[in-house]
Amino acid sequence: MESVLHSTNIITHIVAGTFALIIGFIILIKKKGTLTHKRIGRWFLISMILVVLTGAVGVIIFNRNLFLLVLTTLVGYNTYSGIRIIRTKTNEPKMVDFSAMIFAVVTTLYFLYYLKTIGFYWNPVIIYSTVGYLFMVIAYDLLRYLIPISNYGNLWLYEHTCKMISALGGLLSAFVGTILPDYKPYSQFLPSAIMTIVMIIFVIMTRQKLKKNSKFMVRGGRNQ
C-alpha cells in the first residue's frame, strides 16, 4: 500500500511539475497584465501548489531526498510571495507574510542542521547557492518594510516578476537535475543561471514599460 501511495505521489509531482514548467514558459512569452495572463497564472499557481505539497510529502512521509525539502521551500516561498505581492501591491506588514518567512527559515535551518549531523554529501555549490538565495529573498522581504509605504510605488511589480521567474527557475533546475543526474551539479545550477539572466531581462523590460507609461500619462495630462 505504501509503495502505491508513494508511486502516486511521485507521478503527481512529475505531472504537476511538467505542467507548471510548460505554463510558466507560456506566461513568459505572453503579454502581461491581460485576462489570459491572469487565467493561465491561476493554473500555474495550482500546479505549483501540487508540486510543493507532493514534494513535502515525499520528504516528510516517504523519507526521500532531503534536499528536495529546501528546493520545495524555495519554490514554494517564491510562488507564495510572488502571488501575494501582486494581490496586495504594497509593503504593508502582514502577520501571514511573517509566518511564511518564519516557516521557510525554520525549515531551511533544520535542513542545514541535518546536513551537519550526517555530513555533507551533496555538492556544496548547489546547497549554499540554494539556501543563500532563499535567505536573500527573505532578507529583502524584511528590509522592504523599512521603505515608506508612500515611496514603495511600483516595486511590487518588480517583486512579482523576480519571484515568479525565480520559482520557475527553481522548478527548472530540479527538473533538469533529475533527468540529467550524470551532469550534476551543472544540470542543476546552469538552468538557474539562465533563468537569472531571463529575470534581469524582464526587470529591464518592466522598467522601460513603466517609464513609457509614465511619459504617456504626463503627455496626456498636458494635453488635457
N, C-alpha and C. Protein backbone atom coordinates (compact mmCIF):
# COMPACT_ATOMS: atom_id res chain seq x y z
N MET A 1 0.83 -1.21 0.00
CA MET A 1 0.00 0.00 0.00
C MET A 1 0.87 1.26 0.00
N GLU A 2 1.94 1.22 0.81
CA GLU A 2 2.82 2.38 0.89
C GLU A 2 3.49 2.66 -0.45
N SER A 3 3.89 1.57 -1.15
CA SER A 3 4.54 1.75 -2.45
C SER A 3 3.58 2.36 -3.46
N VAL A 4 2.31 1.99 -3.38
CA VAL A 4 1.30 2.54 -4.29
C VAL A 4 1.12 4.03 -4.03
N LEU A 5 1.03 4.40 -2.76
CA LEU A 5 0.86 5.80 -2.40
C LEU A 5 2.10 6.61 -2.80
N HIS A 6 3.26 6.01 -2.59
CA HIS A 6 4.50 6.70 -2.95
C HIS A 6 4.58 6.90 -4.46
N SER A 7 4.23 5.87 -5.22
CA SER A 7 4.24 5.96 -6.68
C SER A 7 3.26 7.01 -7.17
N THR A 8 2.09 7.04 -6.55
CA THR A 8 1.07 8.04 -6.91
C THR A 8 1.58 9.44 -6.63
N ASN A 9 2.25 9.60 -5.49
CA ASN A 9 2.79 10.90 -5.12
C ASN A 9 3.86 11.35 -6.12
N ILE A 10 4.73 10.42 -6.52
CA ILE A 10 5.79 10.74 -7.48
C ILE A 10 5.19 11.14 -8.83
N ILE A 11 4.22 10.35 -9.30
CA ILE A 11 3.59 10.64 -10.59
C ILE A 11 2.91 12.01 -10.57
N THR A 12 2.19 12.29 -9.49
CA THR A 12 1.52 13.58 -9.35
C THR A 12 2.53 14.71 -9.34
N HIS A 13 3.65 14.50 -8.64
CA HIS A 13 4.70 15.50 -8.56
C HIS A 13 5.30 15.78 -9.94
N ILE A 14 5.58 14.74 -10.68
CA ILE A 14 6.18 14.88 -12.01
C ILE A 14 5.21 15.56 -12.98
N VAL A 15 3.96 15.09 -13.01
CA VAL A 15 2.97 15.65 -13.92
C VAL A 15 2.71 17.13 -13.60
N ALA A 16 2.53 17.43 -12.32
CA ALA A 16 2.27 18.82 -11.91
C ALA A 16 3.48 19.71 -12.23
N GLY A 17 4.69 19.19 -11.98
CA GLY A 17 5.89 19.96 -12.26
C GLY A 17 6.07 20.23 -13.74
N THR A 18 5.84 19.22 -14.56
CA THR A 18 5.96 19.38 -16.02
C THR A 18 4.92 20.37 -16.53
N PHE A 19 3.69 20.25 -16.02
CA PHE A 19 2.61 21.15 -16.41
C PHE A 19 2.93 22.59 -16.01
N ALA A 20 3.49 22.75 -14.79
CA ALA A 20 3.85 24.09 -14.31
C ALA A 20 4.96 24.70 -15.17
N LEU A 21 5.93 23.88 -15.59
CA LEU A 21 7.00 24.38 -16.45
C LEU A 21 6.45 24.87 -17.78
N ILE A 22 5.58 24.07 -18.38
CA ILE A 22 5.00 24.45 -19.67
C ILE A 22 4.21 25.74 -19.54
N ILE A 23 3.35 25.81 -18.53
CA ILE A 23 2.54 27.00 -18.32
C ILE A 23 3.42 28.21 -18.00
N GLY A 24 4.45 27.97 -17.18
CA GLY A 24 5.34 29.06 -16.80
C GLY A 24 6.02 29.70 -17.99
N PHE A 25 6.49 28.90 -18.94
CA PHE A 25 7.15 29.45 -20.12
C PHE A 25 6.15 30.10 -21.08
N ILE A 26 4.92 29.59 -21.08
CA ILE A 26 3.87 30.25 -21.88
C ILE A 26 3.61 31.65 -21.32
N ILE A 27 3.55 31.75 -19.99
CA ILE A 27 3.33 33.05 -19.35
C ILE A 27 4.46 34.01 -19.69
N LEU A 28 5.69 33.50 -19.76
CA LEU A 28 6.84 34.36 -20.06
C LEU A 28 6.71 35.04 -21.42
N ILE A 29 6.19 34.30 -22.41
CA ILE A 29 6.14 34.84 -23.77
C ILE A 29 4.82 35.55 -24.07
N LYS A 30 3.82 35.37 -23.20
CA LYS A 30 2.53 36.03 -23.41
C LYS A 30 2.57 37.46 -22.90
N LYS A 31 1.67 38.29 -23.40
CA LYS A 31 1.54 39.66 -22.94
C LYS A 31 1.09 39.68 -21.49
N LYS A 32 1.71 40.53 -20.69
CA LYS A 32 1.44 40.56 -19.26
C LYS A 32 0.27 41.49 -18.92
N GLY A 33 -0.41 41.16 -17.83
CA GLY A 33 -1.49 42.00 -17.33
C GLY A 33 -2.83 41.79 -17.99
N THR A 34 -2.90 40.87 -18.95
CA THR A 34 -4.16 40.61 -19.64
C THR A 34 -4.99 39.59 -18.87
N LEU A 35 -6.24 39.40 -19.28
CA LEU A 35 -7.11 38.41 -18.65
C LEU A 35 -6.55 37.00 -18.88
N THR A 36 -6.00 36.77 -20.07
CA THR A 36 -5.39 35.47 -20.37
C THR A 36 -4.22 35.20 -19.44
N HIS A 37 -3.40 36.23 -19.22
CA HIS A 37 -2.25 36.10 -18.31
C HIS A 37 -2.71 35.70 -16.91
N LYS A 38 -3.78 36.31 -16.44
CA LYS A 38 -4.29 36.02 -15.10
C LYS A 38 -4.87 34.61 -15.02
N ARG A 39 -5.57 34.20 -16.05
CA ARG A 39 -6.16 32.86 -16.05
C ARG A 39 -5.10 31.78 -16.09
N ILE A 40 -4.11 31.96 -16.97
CA ILE A 40 -3.02 30.98 -17.04
C ILE A 40 -2.23 30.98 -15.74
N GLY A 41 -2.09 32.17 -15.15
CA GLY A 41 -1.38 32.29 -13.88
C GLY A 41 -2.03 31.48 -12.77
N ARG A 42 -3.37 31.40 -12.79
CA ARG A 42 -4.08 30.59 -11.78
C ARG A 42 -3.73 29.12 -11.95
N TRP A 43 -3.63 28.65 -13.18
CA TRP A 43 -3.25 27.25 -13.43
C TRP A 43 -1.82 26.99 -12.99
N PHE A 44 -0.96 27.98 -13.21
CA PHE A 44 0.42 27.85 -12.76
C PHE A 44 0.47 27.73 -11.24
N LEU A 45 -0.32 28.55 -10.55
CA LEU A 45 -0.37 28.52 -9.10
C LEU A 45 -0.86 27.17 -8.59
N ILE A 46 -1.92 26.65 -9.20
CA ILE A 46 -2.47 25.34 -8.79
C ILE A 46 -1.42 24.25 -8.99
N SER A 47 -0.73 24.30 -10.12
CA SER A 47 0.30 23.29 -10.41
C SER A 47 1.44 23.38 -9.40
N MET A 48 1.84 24.60 -9.06
CA MET A 48 2.94 24.78 -8.10
C MET A 48 2.54 24.32 -6.70
N ILE A 49 1.28 24.53 -6.34
CA ILE A 49 0.80 24.04 -5.04
C ILE A 49 0.92 22.52 -4.99
N LEU A 50 0.53 21.86 -6.07
CA LEU A 50 0.64 20.39 -6.14
C LEU A 50 2.11 19.95 -6.07
N VAL A 51 2.98 20.69 -6.76
CA VAL A 51 4.41 20.37 -6.74
C VAL A 51 4.97 20.47 -5.32
N VAL A 52 4.63 21.57 -4.64
CA VAL A 52 5.13 21.79 -3.29
C VAL A 52 4.58 20.75 -2.32
N LEU A 53 3.28 20.47 -2.40
CA LEU A 53 2.66 19.51 -1.49
C LEU A 53 3.22 18.10 -1.69
N THR A 54 3.32 17.66 -2.94
CA THR A 54 3.83 16.32 -3.21
C THR A 54 5.32 16.22 -2.89
N GLY A 55 6.05 17.33 -3.08
CA GLY A 55 7.46 17.34 -2.71
C GLY A 55 7.64 17.21 -1.20
N ALA A 56 6.80 17.93 -0.46
CA ALA A 56 6.86 17.85 1.00
C ALA A 56 6.47 16.47 1.50
N VAL A 57 5.45 15.88 0.88
CA VAL A 57 5.02 14.53 1.26
C VAL A 57 6.13 13.52 1.00
N GLY A 58 6.82 13.68 -0.14
CA GLY A 58 7.91 12.77 -0.48
C GLY A 58 9.03 12.79 0.54
N VAL A 59 9.31 13.96 1.09
CA VAL A 59 10.39 14.09 2.07
C VAL A 59 9.93 13.67 3.47
N ILE A 60 8.79 14.21 3.90
CA ILE A 60 8.34 14.03 5.29
C ILE A 60 7.78 12.63 5.54
N ILE A 61 6.95 12.16 4.63
CA ILE A 61 6.28 10.87 4.85
C ILE A 61 7.10 9.70 4.31
N PHE A 62 7.66 9.87 3.11
CA PHE A 62 8.37 8.75 2.49
C PHE A 62 9.89 8.85 2.63
N ASN A 63 10.37 9.87 3.37
CA ASN A 63 11.79 10.00 3.70
C ASN A 63 12.70 9.97 2.48
N ARG A 64 12.31 10.72 1.46
CA ARG A 64 13.14 10.79 0.27
C ARG A 64 14.15 11.92 0.39
N ASN A 65 14.88 12.18 -0.71
CA ASN A 65 15.95 13.16 -0.75
C ASN A 65 15.60 14.43 0.02
N LEU A 66 16.32 14.68 1.11
CA LEU A 66 16.01 15.82 1.96
C LEU A 66 16.30 17.14 1.26
N PHE A 67 17.22 17.13 0.28
CA PHE A 67 17.49 18.37 -0.45
C PHE A 67 16.25 18.85 -1.18
N LEU A 68 15.34 17.89 -1.49
CA LEU A 68 14.08 18.25 -2.12
C LEU A 68 13.27 19.18 -1.21
N LEU A 69 13.49 19.05 0.10
CA LEU A 69 12.76 19.89 1.05
C LEU A 69 13.14 21.36 0.91
N VAL A 70 14.44 21.64 0.80
CA VAL A 70 14.85 23.03 0.68
C VAL A 70 14.52 23.59 -0.70
N LEU A 71 14.57 22.76 -1.74
CA LEU A 71 14.14 23.19 -3.06
C LEU A 71 12.65 23.51 -3.06
N THR A 72 11.88 22.63 -2.41
CA THR A 72 10.44 22.84 -2.30
C THR A 72 10.14 24.11 -1.53
N THR A 73 10.91 24.35 -0.46
CA THR A 73 10.73 25.57 0.33
C THR A 73 11.04 26.81 -0.50
N LEU A 74 12.12 26.78 -1.28
CA LEU A 74 12.50 27.90 -2.12
C LEU A 74 11.43 28.20 -3.16
N VAL A 75 11.01 27.16 -3.89
CA VAL A 75 9.99 27.34 -4.93
C VAL A 75 8.67 27.76 -4.31
N GLY A 76 8.32 27.11 -3.21
CA GLY A 76 7.05 27.42 -2.56
C GLY A 76 7.00 28.84 -2.03
N TYR A 77 8.09 29.28 -1.39
CA TYR A 77 8.10 30.64 -0.83
C TYR A 77 8.06 31.69 -1.93
N ASN A 78 8.83 31.49 -3.00
CA ASN A 78 8.82 32.45 -4.10
C ASN A 78 7.45 32.53 -4.75
N THR A 79 6.80 31.37 -4.91
CA THR A 79 5.47 31.36 -5.51
C THR A 79 4.47 32.08 -4.61
N TYR A 80 4.49 31.75 -3.33
CA TYR A 80 3.58 32.39 -2.38
C TYR A 80 3.80 33.90 -2.34
N SER A 81 5.06 34.30 -2.17
CA SER A 81 5.39 35.71 -2.05
C SER A 81 5.10 36.47 -3.34
N GLY A 82 5.37 35.81 -4.48
CA GLY A 82 5.12 36.45 -5.77
C GLY A 82 3.65 36.68 -6.04
N ILE A 83 2.81 35.74 -5.61
CA ILE A 83 1.37 35.89 -5.78
C ILE A 83 0.82 36.90 -4.78
N ARG A 84 1.31 36.85 -3.56
CA ARG A 84 0.84 37.77 -2.52
C ARG A 84 1.08 39.23 -2.92
N ILE A 85 2.25 39.52 -3.46
CA ILE A 85 2.58 40.90 -3.77
C ILE A 85 1.74 41.43 -4.93
N ILE A 86 1.35 40.57 -5.86
CA ILE A 86 0.53 41.04 -6.98
C ILE A 86 -0.90 41.32 -6.50
N ARG A 87 -1.29 40.71 -5.39
CA ARG A 87 -2.63 40.94 -4.84
C ARG A 87 -2.67 42.14 -3.89
N THR A 88 -1.60 42.33 -3.11
CA THR A 88 -1.60 43.42 -2.14
C THR A 88 -1.05 44.72 -2.73
N LYS A 89 -0.02 44.59 -3.58
CA LYS A 89 0.63 45.75 -4.22
C LYS A 89 1.12 46.78 -3.20
N THR A 90 1.55 46.30 -2.06
CA THR A 90 2.04 47.19 -1.01
C THR A 90 3.04 46.44 -0.14
N ASN A 91 3.83 47.20 0.61
CA ASN A 91 4.77 46.59 1.55
C ASN A 91 4.28 46.74 2.99
N GLU A 92 2.99 46.90 3.15
CA GLU A 92 2.42 46.98 4.50
C GLU A 92 2.57 45.63 5.20
N PRO A 93 3.16 45.61 6.40
CA PRO A 93 3.41 44.35 7.11
C PRO A 93 2.12 43.59 7.42
N LYS A 94 2.16 42.28 7.17
CA LYS A 94 1.04 41.40 7.49
C LYS A 94 1.57 40.16 8.21
N MET A 95 0.84 39.71 9.22
CA MET A 95 1.29 38.57 10.02
C MET A 95 1.42 37.30 9.18
N VAL A 96 0.54 37.12 8.20
CA VAL A 96 0.59 35.91 7.37
C VAL A 96 1.91 35.85 6.60
N ASP A 97 2.42 37.01 6.19
CA ASP A 97 3.70 37.04 5.46
C ASP A 97 4.87 36.74 6.38
N PHE A 98 4.82 37.27 7.61
CA PHE A 98 5.86 36.95 8.59
C PHE A 98 5.86 35.45 8.91
N SER A 99 4.67 34.87 8.98
CA SER A 99 4.55 33.43 9.27
C SER A 99 5.20 32.60 8.17
N ALA A 100 4.99 33.02 6.91
CA ALA A 100 5.60 32.30 5.78
C ALA A 100 7.12 32.41 5.84
N MET A 101 7.63 33.57 6.19
CA MET A 101 9.08 33.76 6.31
C MET A 101 9.67 32.87 7.41
N ILE A 102 9.01 32.88 8.56
CA ILE A 102 9.49 32.09 9.69
C ILE A 102 9.50 30.60 9.34
N PHE A 103 8.44 30.15 8.70
CA PHE A 103 8.34 28.74 8.30
C PHE A 103 9.48 28.38 7.34
N ALA A 104 9.74 29.24 6.36
CA ALA A 104 10.80 28.98 5.39
C ALA A 104 12.17 28.94 6.07
N VAL A 105 12.42 29.88 6.99
CA VAL A 105 13.71 29.93 7.68
C VAL A 105 13.91 28.71 8.57
N VAL A 106 12.88 28.36 9.34
CA VAL A 106 12.98 27.21 10.24
C VAL A 106 13.22 25.92 9.46
N THR A 107 12.50 25.75 8.37
CA THR A 107 12.66 24.55 7.52
C THR A 107 14.08 24.46 6.98
N THR A 108 14.61 25.58 6.52
CA THR A 108 15.96 25.59 5.94
C THR A 108 17.02 25.37 7.01
N LEU A 109 16.84 25.96 8.18
CA LEU A 109 17.80 25.74 9.27
C LEU A 109 17.81 24.28 9.72
N TYR A 110 16.63 23.67 9.73
CA TYR A 110 16.57 22.23 10.06
C TYR A 110 17.34 21.43 9.02
N PHE A 111 17.20 21.81 7.76
CA PHE A 111 17.92 21.13 6.68
C PHE A 111 19.43 21.24 6.89
N LEU A 112 19.91 22.44 7.22
CA LEU A 112 21.33 22.64 7.44
C LEU A 112 21.83 21.86 8.66
N TYR A 113 21.02 21.85 9.72
CA TYR A 113 21.39 21.10 10.92
C TYR A 113 21.48 19.60 10.61
N TYR A 114 20.54 19.11 9.83
CA TYR A 114 20.54 17.69 9.46
C TYR A 114 21.79 17.36 8.65
N LEU A 115 22.14 18.24 7.72
CA LEU A 115 23.34 18.01 6.91
C LEU A 115 24.59 17.96 7.77
N LYS A 116 24.64 18.84 8.77
CA LYS A 116 25.81 18.88 9.64
C LYS A 116 25.95 17.59 10.45
N THR A 117 24.84 17.00 10.84
CA THR A 117 24.88 15.79 11.67
C THR A 117 25.26 14.55 10.86
N ILE A 118 24.89 14.53 9.57
CA ILE A 118 25.17 13.36 8.75
C ILE A 118 26.38 13.55 7.86
N GLY A 119 26.84 14.79 7.74
CA GLY A 119 27.96 15.07 6.84
C GLY A 119 27.44 15.47 5.47
N PHE A 120 28.10 16.44 4.82
CA PHE A 120 27.67 16.91 3.51
C PHE A 120 27.96 15.86 2.45
N TYR A 121 26.91 15.43 1.78
CA TYR A 121 27.17 14.51 0.66
C TYR A 121 26.49 15.01 -0.62
N TRP A 122 25.96 16.23 -0.59
CA TRP A 122 25.52 16.90 -1.81
C TRP A 122 26.56 17.94 -2.17
N ASN A 123 26.57 18.37 -3.42
CA ASN A 123 27.54 19.34 -3.86
C ASN A 123 27.33 20.67 -3.13
N PRO A 124 28.37 21.18 -2.45
CA PRO A 124 28.24 22.42 -1.68
C PRO A 124 27.77 23.61 -2.52
N VAL A 125 28.15 23.62 -3.81
CA VAL A 125 27.73 24.73 -4.69
C VAL A 125 26.21 24.82 -4.74
N ILE A 126 25.56 23.68 -4.91
CA ILE A 126 24.10 23.66 -5.01
C ILE A 126 23.47 23.99 -3.66
N ILE A 127 24.02 23.41 -2.60
CA ILE A 127 23.45 23.63 -1.26
C ILE A 127 23.53 25.10 -0.86
N TYR A 128 24.74 25.67 -0.93
CA TYR A 128 24.93 27.04 -0.46
C TYR A 128 24.22 28.06 -1.35
N SER A 129 24.21 27.81 -2.66
CA SER A 129 23.55 28.76 -3.56
C SER A 129 22.04 28.75 -3.35
N THR A 130 21.46 27.56 -3.15
CA THR A 130 20.02 27.46 -2.94
C THR A 130 19.60 28.08 -1.62
N VAL A 131 20.29 27.69 -0.55
CA VAL A 131 19.98 28.22 0.78
C VAL A 131 20.26 29.73 0.83
N GLY A 132 21.39 30.14 0.25
CA GLY A 132 21.76 31.55 0.25
C GLY A 132 20.75 32.41 -0.49
N TYR A 133 20.26 31.90 -1.62
CA TYR A 133 19.29 32.67 -2.39
C TYR A 133 17.97 32.80 -1.63
N LEU A 134 17.55 31.71 -1.00
CA LEU A 134 16.31 31.76 -0.22
C LEU A 134 16.41 32.79 0.91
N PHE A 135 17.54 32.77 1.63
CA PHE A 135 17.73 33.74 2.71
C PHE A 135 17.82 35.17 2.18
N MET A 136 18.37 35.34 0.98
CA MET A 136 18.46 36.67 0.39
C MET A 136 17.07 37.22 0.07
N VAL A 137 16.21 36.36 -0.47
CA VAL A 137 14.83 36.77 -0.78
C VAL A 137 14.10 37.16 0.49
N ILE A 138 14.24 36.34 1.52
CA ILE A 138 13.56 36.61 2.79
C ILE A 138 14.11 37.90 3.43
N ALA A 139 15.43 38.09 3.33
CA ALA A 139 16.04 39.31 3.88
C ALA A 139 15.47 40.55 3.18
N TYR A 140 15.32 40.46 1.86
CA TYR A 140 14.72 41.59 1.13
C TYR A 140 13.29 41.84 1.59
N ASP A 141 12.53 40.75 1.74
CA ASP A 141 11.14 40.89 2.16
C ASP A 141 11.02 41.55 3.53
N LEU A 142 12.03 41.37 4.36
CA LEU A 142 12.04 42.04 5.67
C LEU A 142 12.46 43.50 5.53
N LEU A 143 13.50 43.74 4.75
CA LEU A 143 14.03 45.09 4.60
C LEU A 143 13.07 46.01 3.86
N ARG A 144 12.23 45.46 3.01
CA ARG A 144 11.31 46.32 2.25
C ARG A 144 10.29 46.99 3.15
N TYR A 145 10.10 46.45 4.36
CA TYR A 145 9.17 47.09 5.28
C TYR A 145 9.74 48.41 5.80
N LEU A 146 11.04 48.63 5.61
CA LEU A 146 11.67 49.89 6.02
C LEU A 146 11.39 51.01 5.01
N ILE A 147 10.94 50.62 3.82
CA ILE A 147 10.61 51.61 2.79
C ILE A 147 9.26 52.24 3.14
N PRO A 148 9.18 53.56 3.21
CA PRO A 148 7.88 54.19 3.48
C PRO A 148 6.84 53.75 2.45
N ILE A 149 5.65 53.44 2.93
CA ILE A 149 4.60 52.95 2.04
C ILE A 149 4.34 53.93 0.89
N SER A 150 4.45 55.22 1.19
CA SER A 150 4.22 56.25 0.16
C SER A 150 5.28 56.24 -0.93
N ASN A 151 6.47 55.69 -0.60
CA ASN A 151 7.57 55.64 -1.57
C ASN A 151 7.73 54.28 -2.24
N TYR A 152 6.89 53.34 -1.83
CA TYR A 152 7.03 51.97 -2.34
C TYR A 152 6.73 51.90 -3.84
N GLY A 153 5.76 52.66 -4.27
CA GLY A 153 5.47 52.79 -5.70
C GLY A 153 5.21 51.49 -6.42
N ASN A 154 5.95 51.30 -7.53
CA ASN A 154 5.77 50.13 -8.39
C ASN A 154 6.75 49.00 -8.11
N LEU A 155 7.38 49.04 -6.95
CA LEU A 155 8.32 47.97 -6.61
C LEU A 155 7.64 46.61 -6.58
N TRP A 156 6.34 46.59 -6.30
CA TRP A 156 5.59 45.32 -6.25
C TRP A 156 5.65 44.60 -7.58
N LEU A 157 5.68 45.36 -8.68
CA LEU A 157 5.71 44.74 -10.00
C LEU A 157 7.04 44.06 -10.25
N TYR A 158 8.13 44.71 -9.81
CA TYR A 158 9.45 44.09 -9.93
C TYR A 158 9.54 42.84 -9.06
N GLU A 159 8.98 42.92 -7.86
CA GLU A 159 9.00 41.77 -6.95
C GLU A 159 8.24 40.59 -7.56
N HIS A 160 7.08 40.87 -8.09
CA HIS A 160 6.28 39.80 -8.70
C HIS A 160 7.04 39.15 -9.85
N THR A 161 7.65 39.96 -10.68
CA THR A 161 8.41 39.45 -11.83
C THR A 161 9.57 38.57 -11.37
N CYS A 162 10.37 39.07 -10.43
CA CYS A 162 11.55 38.34 -9.97
C CYS A 162 11.19 37.04 -9.26
N LYS A 163 10.19 37.10 -8.40
CA LYS A 163 9.85 35.93 -7.60
C LYS A 163 9.20 34.83 -8.42
N MET A 164 8.37 35.19 -9.38
CA MET A 164 7.73 34.16 -10.20
C MET A 164 8.74 33.52 -11.14
N ILE A 165 9.66 34.32 -11.69
CA ILE A 165 10.70 33.75 -12.54
C ILE A 165 11.65 32.89 -11.71
N SER A 166 11.91 33.31 -10.47
CA SER A 166 12.76 32.52 -9.57
C SER A 166 12.11 31.17 -9.26
N ALA A 167 10.80 31.19 -9.03
CA ALA A 167 10.09 29.95 -8.76
C ALA A 167 10.17 29.02 -9.97
N LEU A 168 10.00 29.60 -11.15
CA LEU A 168 10.10 28.81 -12.38
C LEU A 168 11.51 28.28 -12.56
N GLY A 169 12.51 29.11 -12.22
CA GLY A 169 13.91 28.68 -12.34
C GLY A 169 14.25 27.55 -11.39
N GLY A 170 13.73 27.61 -10.16
CA GLY A 170 13.95 26.52 -9.21
C GLY A 170 13.34 25.23 -9.69
N LEU A 171 12.15 25.34 -10.25
CA LEU A 171 11.47 24.16 -10.79
C LEU A 171 12.24 23.58 -11.97
N LEU A 172 12.75 24.46 -12.83
CA LEU A 172 13.52 24.01 -13.99
C LEU A 172 14.81 23.32 -13.56
N SER A 173 15.47 23.85 -12.54
CA SER A 173 16.71 23.25 -12.03
C SER A 173 16.45 21.85 -11.48
N ALA A 174 15.36 21.71 -10.73
CA ALA A 174 15.01 20.40 -10.18
C ALA A 174 14.69 19.42 -11.30
N PHE A 175 14.00 19.89 -12.32
CA PHE A 175 13.61 19.03 -13.45
C PHE A 175 14.82 18.56 -14.24
N VAL A 176 15.68 19.50 -14.62
CA VAL A 176 16.87 19.15 -15.42
C VAL A 176 17.84 18.31 -14.59
N GLY A 177 17.99 18.65 -13.31
CA GLY A 177 18.88 17.87 -12.44
C GLY A 177 18.41 16.44 -12.27
N THR A 178 17.09 16.25 -12.34
CA THR A 178 16.53 14.90 -12.18
C THR A 178 16.70 14.06 -13.44
N ILE A 179 16.46 14.66 -14.60
CA ILE A 179 16.54 13.89 -15.85
C ILE A 179 17.98 13.75 -16.35
N LEU A 180 18.89 14.61 -15.84
CA LEU A 180 20.31 14.53 -16.23
C LEU A 180 21.19 14.41 -14.99
N PRO A 181 21.02 13.34 -14.23
CA PRO A 181 21.77 13.20 -12.97
C PRO A 181 23.28 13.06 -13.15
N ASP A 182 23.71 12.55 -14.32
CA ASP A 182 25.14 12.34 -14.55
C ASP A 182 25.89 13.65 -14.80
N TYR A 183 25.13 14.73 -15.00
CA TYR A 183 25.76 16.01 -15.30
C TYR A 183 25.68 17.00 -14.13
N LYS A 184 25.35 16.48 -12.94
CA LYS A 184 25.32 17.34 -11.76
C LYS A 184 26.75 17.73 -11.38
N PRO A 185 26.98 18.94 -10.85
CA PRO A 185 25.97 19.94 -10.47
C PRO A 185 25.57 20.89 -11.59
N TYR A 186 26.21 20.74 -12.80
CA TYR A 186 25.94 21.68 -13.89
C TYR A 186 24.49 21.63 -14.34
N SER A 187 23.89 20.44 -14.31
CA SER A 187 22.49 20.32 -14.73
C SER A 187 21.55 20.96 -13.72
N GLN A 188 22.08 21.32 -12.54
CA GLN A 188 21.26 21.96 -11.52
C GLN A 188 21.43 23.47 -11.50
N PHE A 189 22.69 23.95 -11.54
CA PHE A 189 22.86 25.40 -11.39
C PHE A 189 22.84 26.16 -12.71
N LEU A 190 23.11 25.49 -13.85
CA LEU A 190 23.05 26.19 -15.12
C LEU A 190 21.64 26.67 -15.47
N PRO A 191 20.59 25.83 -15.26
CA PRO A 191 19.23 26.35 -15.50
C PRO A 191 18.92 27.56 -14.64
N SER A 192 19.37 27.55 -13.39
CA SER A 192 19.15 28.70 -12.50
C SER A 192 19.88 29.93 -13.02
N ALA A 193 21.11 29.73 -13.51
CA ALA A 193 21.88 30.85 -14.05
C ALA A 193 21.19 31.44 -15.28
N ILE A 194 20.67 30.57 -16.14
CA ILE A 194 19.96 31.03 -17.34
C ILE A 194 18.71 31.81 -16.95
N MET A 195 17.96 31.30 -15.97
CA MET A 195 16.73 31.97 -15.55
C MET A 195 17.04 33.28 -14.82
N THR A 196 18.21 33.38 -14.22
CA THR A 196 18.62 34.65 -13.61
C THR A 196 18.82 35.71 -14.68
N ILE A 197 19.41 35.31 -15.81
CA ILE A 197 19.58 36.23 -16.94
C ILE A 197 18.22 36.65 -17.48
N VAL A 198 17.32 35.66 -17.59
CA VAL A 198 15.95 35.95 -18.04
C VAL A 198 15.29 36.95 -17.10
N MET A 199 15.50 36.76 -15.80
CA MET A 199 14.93 37.67 -14.79
C MET A 199 15.43 39.09 -14.99
N ILE A 200 16.73 39.24 -15.21
CA ILE A 200 17.32 40.57 -15.41
C ILE A 200 16.72 41.23 -16.65
N ILE A 201 16.56 40.45 -17.71
CA ILE A 201 15.98 40.99 -18.95
C ILE A 201 14.56 41.48 -18.70
N PHE A 202 13.77 40.70 -17.95
CA PHE A 202 12.39 41.09 -17.68
C PHE A 202 12.31 42.30 -16.75
N VAL A 203 13.25 42.41 -15.83
CA VAL A 203 13.29 43.60 -14.96
C VAL A 203 13.55 44.86 -15.80
N ILE A 204 14.49 44.76 -16.73
CA ILE A 204 14.79 45.88 -17.62
C ILE A 204 13.57 46.22 -18.48
N MET A 205 12.91 45.20 -19.01
CA MET A 205 11.71 45.42 -19.83
C MET A 205 10.60 46.06 -19.00
N THR A 206 10.46 45.62 -17.76
CA THR A 206 9.43 46.19 -16.88
C THR A 206 9.71 47.66 -16.61
N ARG A 207 10.98 47.98 -16.36
CA ARG A 207 11.36 49.37 -16.10
C ARG A 207 11.08 50.25 -17.32
N GLN A 208 11.42 49.75 -18.49
CA GLN A 208 11.19 50.52 -19.72
C GLN A 208 9.69 50.74 -19.95
N LYS A 209 8.89 49.71 -19.66
CA LYS A 209 7.45 49.82 -19.84
C LYS A 209 6.86 50.84 -18.87
N LEU A 210 7.32 50.83 -17.62
CA LEU A 210 6.81 51.78 -16.64
C LEU A 210 7.21 53.21 -17.01
N LYS A 211 8.43 53.39 -17.49
CA LYS A 211 8.87 54.72 -17.91
C LYS A 211 8.06 55.21 -19.10
N LYS A 212 7.77 54.29 -20.03
CA LYS A 212 6.97 54.65 -21.20
C LYS A 212 5.56 55.05 -20.80
N ASN A 213 4.97 54.27 -19.88
CA ASN A 213 3.62 54.58 -19.40
C ASN A 213 3.60 55.91 -18.65
N SER A 214 4.66 56.17 -17.88
CA SER A 214 4.75 57.41 -17.13
C SER A 214 4.81 58.61 -18.07
N LYS A 215 5.61 58.51 -19.12
CA LYS A 215 5.70 59.60 -20.10
C LYS A 215 4.38 59.81 -20.82
N PHE A 216 3.68 58.71 -21.12
CA PHE A 216 2.39 58.79 -21.81
C PHE A 216 1.37 59.51 -20.94
N MET A 217 1.38 59.20 -19.63
CA MET A 217 0.44 59.83 -18.69
C MET A 217 0.74 61.33 -18.54
N VAL A 218 2.04 61.68 -18.53
CA VAL A 218 2.42 63.08 -18.42
C VAL A 218 1.96 63.86 -19.64
N ARG A 219 2.17 63.28 -20.82
CA ARG A 219 1.74 63.93 -22.06
C ARG A 219 0.23 64.06 -22.11
N GLY A 220 -0.45 62.99 -21.64
CA GLY A 220 -1.91 63.02 -21.63
C GLY A 220 -2.45 64.10 -20.74
N GLY A 221 -1.77 64.29 -19.57
CA GLY A 221 -2.18 65.32 -18.63
C GLY A 221 -1.98 66.71 -19.20
N ARG A 222 -0.87 66.90 -19.96
CA ARG A 222 -0.61 68.20 -20.56
C ARG A 222 -1.64 68.52 -21.64
N ASN A 223 -2.01 67.48 -22.42
CA ASN A 223 -2.99 67.70 -23.48
C ASN A 223 -4.35 68.11 -22.95
N GLN A 224 -4.65 67.60 -21.73
CA GLN A 224 -5.93 67.96 -21.13
C GLN A 224 -5.90 69.43 -20.67
